[in-house]
Amino acid sequence: MTGPESNGRSRAQGLVLKALVLIGGALLLKRLTKSTTRWDHARIVAESLSGEKFSREQARRDPDNYFNLRMLTCPATEMVDGSRVLYFEQAFWRTPQKPFRQRFFIVKPCPKEMKCDVELSSYAIRDAEEYKNFCDRPKDQRPHTEEVIGDIAEHLTTIHLSRCDRGKRCLYEGSTPPGGFPNSWNGATYCNTELAILKNNEVHTWDRGYDDEGNQAWGVKGGPYEFKPAPAPASCCDDMFSPLNFPPVMALEKKIEDSFVIQKE
């Protein structure tokens, strides 16, 4: 059936469809052009750091200088001001239940007067033994918010991160301020850290200690450790018996001191 009434209905439907298209386009444009807030940057960094990551590929390429390490980070709590508290630990791939490094990270926006986007501070843990394998436990078996906040101990370092320039592989990169932070391990007087977060949730971190003369006292020399997200379960055992996962027989502490952390000429 055709006629004025049918034609009017068609025109009305066409106008409605056109209006919906225009509204949808405007909403999409608004979403695409919406600026990222200071807290959005902090959230992205916190989420990118979280999860299980390994340096396995780097250890395959250069087994003399890098080991297959496990880096595990997860949310611990949130501060009243919105800052995110993350628990972080590192261990050798074969002994994840025995982390040799444990920290709290506090992630928040940089102060407005600074030319950076995210402030990432690391803190010692008051009773680190109580937090071993924190991320692997069911949530009801982890320390509660009040306990976590109470166990945040000595401030160690702060890294100021900025968004990477368009076209680079990274999302954020940054380092400790010039002069670093006090550190007395193995004859060092200060330490520096460089950090880069890549678009595939890969994290590159480079910690080094120096003495008063600027000589490197500890830390790898060839470049940062490259931690990539955990492989799919199907490939978890492909290299279970690789030499990378069976270090020479020696005390774990000695291995870390001589090979992982302290790189001598």
Protein backbone atom coordinates (compact mmCIF):
# COMPACT_ATOMS: atom_id res chain seq x y z
CA MET A 1 0.00 0.00 0.00
CA THR A 2 1.41 3.37 -0.98
CA GLY A 3 0.28 6.91 -0.44
CA PRO A 4 0.97 10.13 1.45
CA GLU A 5 0.69 8.38 4.82
CA SER A 6 3.20 5.68 3.81
CA ASN A 7 5.62 8.22 2.36
CA GLY A 8 5.41 10.34 5.52
CA ARG A 9 6.13 7.31 7.67
CA SER A 10 9.18 6.44 5.57
CA ARG A 11 10.51 9.98 5.79
CA ALA A 12 10.04 9.97 9.56
CA GLN A 13 11.88 6.66 9.88
CA GLY A 14 14.67 8.01 7.70
CA LEU A 15 15.01 11.11 9.87
CA VAL A 16 15.09 8.99 13.05
CA LEU A 17 17.77 6.72 11.57
CA LYS A 18 19.83 9.71 10.47
CA ALA A 19 19.52 11.27 13.92
CA LEU A 20 20.65 8.03 15.58
CA VAL A 21 23.66 7.84 13.26
CA LEU A 22 24.62 11.43 14.04
CA ILE A 23 24.21 10.92 17.80
CA GLY A 24 26.21 7.69 17.68
CA GLY A 25 28.96 9.39 15.71
CA ALA A 26 29.08 12.28 18.15
CA LEU A 27 29.33 9.92 21.13
CA LEU A 28 32.08 7.91 19.45
CA LEU A 29 34.01 11.07 18.59
CA LYS A 30 33.66 12.29 22.18
CA ARG A 31 34.93 8.95 23.46
CA LEU A 32 37.89 8.92 21.11
CA THR A 33 38.88 12.49 21.89
CA LYS A 34 38.28 12.27 25.64
CA SER A 35 41.44 13.29 27.44
CA THR A 36 43.09 10.85 29.83
CA THR A 37 42.97 12.10 33.41
CA ARG A 38 45.83 12.01 35.91
CA TRP A 39 44.18 9.10 37.72
CA ASP A 40 43.66 7.25 34.44
CA HIS A 41 47.43 7.26 33.94
CA ALA A 42 47.98 5.87 37.44
CA ARG A 43 45.39 3.14 36.83
CA ILE A 44 46.97 2.13 33.50
CA VAL A 45 50.43 1.88 35.07
CA ALA A 46 49.13 -0.15 38.03
CA GLU A 47 47.27 -2.56 35.75
CA SER A 48 50.25 -2.90 33.40
CA LEU A 49 52.59 -3.78 36.26
CA SER A 50 50.18 -6.36 37.66
CA GLY A 51 50.37 -10.01 36.75
CA GLU A 52 52.98 -12.72 36.36
CA LYS A 53 55.92 -11.93 34.06
CA PHE A 54 59.16 -13.73 33.20
CA SER A 55 62.59 -12.87 31.77
CA ARG A 56 62.76 -16.26 30.06
CA GLU A 57 63.34 -15.03 26.50
CA GLN A 58 66.15 -12.74 27.62
CA ALA A 59 67.76 -15.59 29.57
CA ARG A 60 67.70 -17.73 26.44
CA ARG A 61 69.44 -15.02 24.44
CA ASP A 62 72.07 -14.15 27.04
CA PRO A 63 72.29 -16.84 29.74
CA ASP A 64 75.65 -15.54 30.98
CA ASN A 65 74.16 -12.29 32.22
CA TYR A 66 70.41 -12.81 32.68
CA PHE A 67 68.39 -15.43 34.49
CA ASN A 68 64.87 -16.69 34.04
CA LEU A 69 63.22 -14.69 36.81
CA ARG A 70 59.61 -14.48 37.82
CA MET A 71 58.14 -11.06 38.57
CA LEU A 72 54.74 -11.13 40.25
CA THR A 73 52.69 -8.05 41.13
CA CYS A 74 49.11 -7.69 42.29
CA PRO A 75 46.82 -5.16 44.02
CA ALA A 76 47.22 -5.11 47.81
CA THR A 77 44.88 -2.27 48.78
CA GLU A 78 43.90 1.31 47.96
CA MET A 79 44.71 4.39 50.03
CA VAL A 80 42.10 6.93 51.10
CA ASP A 81 43.35 9.39 48.45
CA GLY A 82 42.93 6.79 45.68
CA SER A 83 46.59 5.77 45.44
CA ARG A 84 46.98 2.10 44.55
CA VAL A 85 49.16 -0.14 46.70
CA LEU A 86 50.68 -3.11 44.85
CA TYR A 87 52.59 -6.04 46.28
CA PHE A 88 55.66 -7.02 44.24
CA GLU A 89 58.06 -9.95 44.45
CA GLN A 90 60.81 -11.52 42.35
CA ALA A 91 62.01 -15.12 42.45
CA PHE A 92 63.87 -17.61 40.30
CA TRP A 93 61.54 -19.47 37.92
CA ARG A 94 62.09 -22.82 39.62
CA THR A 95 61.50 -21.53 43.15
CA PRO A 96 58.56 -19.08 42.99
CA GLN A 97 57.73 -19.87 46.62
CA LYS A 98 61.07 -18.35 47.70
CA PRO A 99 61.12 -14.72 46.53
CA PHE A 100 64.43 -12.92 47.02
CA ARG A 101 62.96 -9.43 46.59
CA GLN A 102 59.70 -8.13 48.06
CA ARG A 103 58.32 -4.60 47.91
CA PHE A 104 55.19 -2.50 48.17
CA PHE A 105 54.57 -0.13 45.25
CA ILE A 106 52.40 2.96 45.68
CA VAL A 107 51.09 4.26 42.36
CA LYS A 108 49.53 7.71 42.04
CA PRO A 109 49.53 10.74 39.72
CA CYS A 110 52.58 12.99 39.73
CA PRO A 111 52.16 16.25 41.64
CA LYS A 112 50.63 18.87 39.36
CA GLU A 113 53.75 21.03 39.44
CA MET A 114 55.92 18.20 38.02
CA LYS A 115 56.34 17.37 34.34
CA CYS A 116 55.40 13.71 34.60
CA ASP A 117 52.26 11.60 34.66
CA VAL A 118 52.70 8.86 37.25
CA GLU A 119 54.68 8.59 40.48
CA LEU A 120 55.73 5.04 41.37
CA SER A 121 57.30 4.66 44.82
CA SER A 122 58.73 1.48 46.32
CA TYR A 123 58.73 0.68 50.03
CA ALA A 124 60.19 -2.02 52.21
CA ILE A 125 57.77 -4.40 53.94
CA ARG A 126 57.78 -4.43 57.73
CA ASP A 127 57.42 -8.23 57.99
CA ALA A 128 58.24 -9.51 54.51
CA GLU A 129 57.98 -13.16 55.57
CA GLU A 130 54.25 -12.71 56.16
CA TYR A 131 53.78 -11.57 52.56
CA LYS A 132 55.59 -14.33 50.67
CA ASN A 133 53.41 -15.55 47.79
CA PHE A 134 50.79 -12.93 48.67
CA CYS A 135 49.42 -12.86 45.11
CA ASP A 136 49.08 -16.65 44.92
CA ARG A 137 46.86 -16.86 47.99
CA PRO A 138 43.05 -16.67 48.01
CA LYS A 139 41.99 -13.13 48.86
CA ASP A 140 40.49 -14.18 52.18
CA GLN A 141 43.91 -15.47 53.24
CA ARG A 142 45.79 -12.23 52.56
CA PRO A 143 46.50 -9.45 55.09
CA HIS A 144 43.64 -6.95 55.25
CA THR A 145 43.81 -3.29 54.27
CA GLU A 146 44.69 -2.06 57.74
CA GLU A 147 47.49 -4.61 58.03
CA VAL A 148 48.91 -3.76 54.60
CA ILE A 149 49.00 -0.03 55.33
CA GLY A 150 50.57 -0.72 58.71
CA ASP A 151 53.27 -2.87 57.11
CA ILE A 152 54.45 -0.22 54.64
CA ALA A 153 57.93 0.51 55.95
CA GLU A 154 60.99 2.44 54.73
CA HIS A 155 60.71 4.44 51.52
CA LEU A 156 63.27 3.10 49.03
CA THR A 157 62.91 4.82 45.65
CA THR A 158 60.52 6.89 43.55
CA ILE A 159 60.28 6.74 39.76
CA HIS A 160 58.59 9.47 37.74
CA LEU A 161 56.93 8.09 34.62
CA SER A 162 55.73 9.97 31.56
CA ARG A 163 53.72 8.92 28.55
CA CYS A 164 55.91 7.79 25.71
CA ASP A 165 55.96 9.79 22.51
CA ARG A 166 53.67 8.61 19.72
CA GLY A 167 55.28 5.89 17.62
CA LYS A 168 57.42 4.39 20.40
CA ARG A 169 56.93 0.82 21.64
CA CYS A 170 56.38 1.92 25.20
CA LEU A 171 53.37 3.38 26.97
CA TYR A 172 55.27 4.96 29.87
CA GLU A 173 58.92 5.37 30.74
CA GLY A 174 60.91 7.12 33.41
CA SER A 175 63.56 6.90 36.08
CA THR A 176 64.55 7.97 39.55
CA PRO A 177 65.53 11.65 39.89
CA PRO A 178 69.15 12.71 39.18
CA GLY A 179 71.32 11.52 42.04
CA GLY A 180 69.08 8.56 42.75
CA PHE A 181 68.40 7.38 46.29
CA PRO A 182 70.71 6.37 49.16
CA ASN A 183 71.89 2.78 49.00
CA SER A 184 74.74 1.11 50.88
CA TRP A 185 74.69 -2.40 49.45
CA ASN A 186 78.05 -3.80 48.27
CA GLY A 187 79.84 -0.49 48.67
CA ALA A 188 77.30 1.64 46.86
CA THR A 189 76.26 5.05 48.13
CA TYR A 190 73.26 5.60 45.85
CA CYS A 191 71.11 3.71 43.34
CA ASN A 192 69.22 4.53 40.15
CA THR A 193 66.29 2.76 38.51
CA GLU A 194 64.97 3.02 34.97
CA LEU A 195 61.54 1.63 34.08
CA ALA A 196 59.61 1.23 30.84
CA ILE A 197 56.12 -0.19 30.39
CA LEU A 198 55.45 -1.49 26.89
CA LYS A 199 52.16 -1.79 25.04
CA ASN A 200 52.00 -5.59 25.44
CA ASN A 201 52.27 -5.35 29.25
CA GLU A 202 55.98 -6.08 29.02
CA VAL A 203 58.04 -4.35 31.71
CA HIS A 204 61.72 -3.38 31.42
CA THR A 205 63.49 -2.53 34.67
CA TRP A 206 67.12 -1.61 35.29
CA ASP A 207 68.39 -1.20 38.86
CA ARG A 208 72.00 -0.14 39.50
CA GLY A 209 74.06 0.99 42.48
CA TYR A 210 77.07 3.35 42.36
CA ASP A 211 79.81 4.43 44.74
CA ASP A 212 80.96 7.99 45.40
CA GLU A 213 83.27 7.92 42.37
CA GLY A 214 80.46 6.86 40.04
CA ASN A 215 81.67 3.26 39.71
CA GLN A 216 78.90 0.71 39.39
CA ALA A 217 78.77 -1.39 42.56
CA TRP A 218 75.86 -3.66 41.71
CA GLY A 219 73.30 -4.29 39.00
CA VAL A 220 73.45 -5.73 35.50
CA LYS A 221 75.52 -3.72 33.02
CA GLY A 222 74.24 -4.82 29.64
CA GLY A 223 70.75 -3.34 29.84
CA PRO A 224 67.45 -3.70 31.68
CA TYR A 225 65.77 -6.94 32.62
CA GLU A 226 62.91 -7.61 30.19
CA PHE A 227 59.87 -9.16 31.83
CA LYS A 228 57.14 -10.48 29.55
CA PRO A 229 53.66 -11.73 30.53
CA ALA A 230 53.42 -15.37 31.58
CA PRO A 231 53.18 -17.79 28.63
CA ALA A 232 50.04 -19.77 27.91
CA PRO A 233 49.62 -22.88 30.08
CA ALA A 234 50.15 -25.17 27.09
CA SER A 235 53.75 -24.01 26.77
CA CYS A 236 54.57 -23.89 30.46
CA CYS A 237 56.58 -27.11 30.45
CA ASP A 238 58.28 -26.88 27.04
CA ASP A 239 61.62 -26.03 28.58
CA MET A 240 61.14 -27.49 32.05
CA PHE A 241 64.48 -29.25 31.77
CA SER A 242 66.33 -26.39 30.12
CA PRO A 243 69.72 -25.51 31.64
CA LEU A 244 68.27 -22.04 32.23
CA ASN A 245 66.16 -23.52 34.99
CA PHE A 246 68.91 -25.54 36.67
CA PRO A 247 71.58 -23.13 37.94
CA PRO A 248 74.91 -24.43 39.29
CA VAL A 249 74.76 -25.81 42.79
CA MET A 250 75.43 -22.93 45.21
CA ALA A 251 73.60 -21.00 47.88
CA LEU A 252 70.77 -18.91 46.46
CA GLU A 253 72.05 -15.79 48.18
CA LYS A 254 75.52 -16.26 46.67
CA LYS A 255 74.02 -16.78 43.22
CA ILE A 256 72.05 -13.56 43.41
CA GLU A 257 75.03 -11.62 44.73
CA ASP A 258 77.57 -12.83 42.18
CA SER A 259 75.43 -13.24 39.09
CA PHE A 260 72.10 -11.46 39.12
CA VAL A 261 72.63 -8.30 41.09
CA ILE A 262 76.38 -7.77 41.05
CA GLN A 263 77.92 -7.82 37.60
CA LYS A 264 81.71 -7.59 37.75
CA GLU A 265 84.05 -6.89 34.89
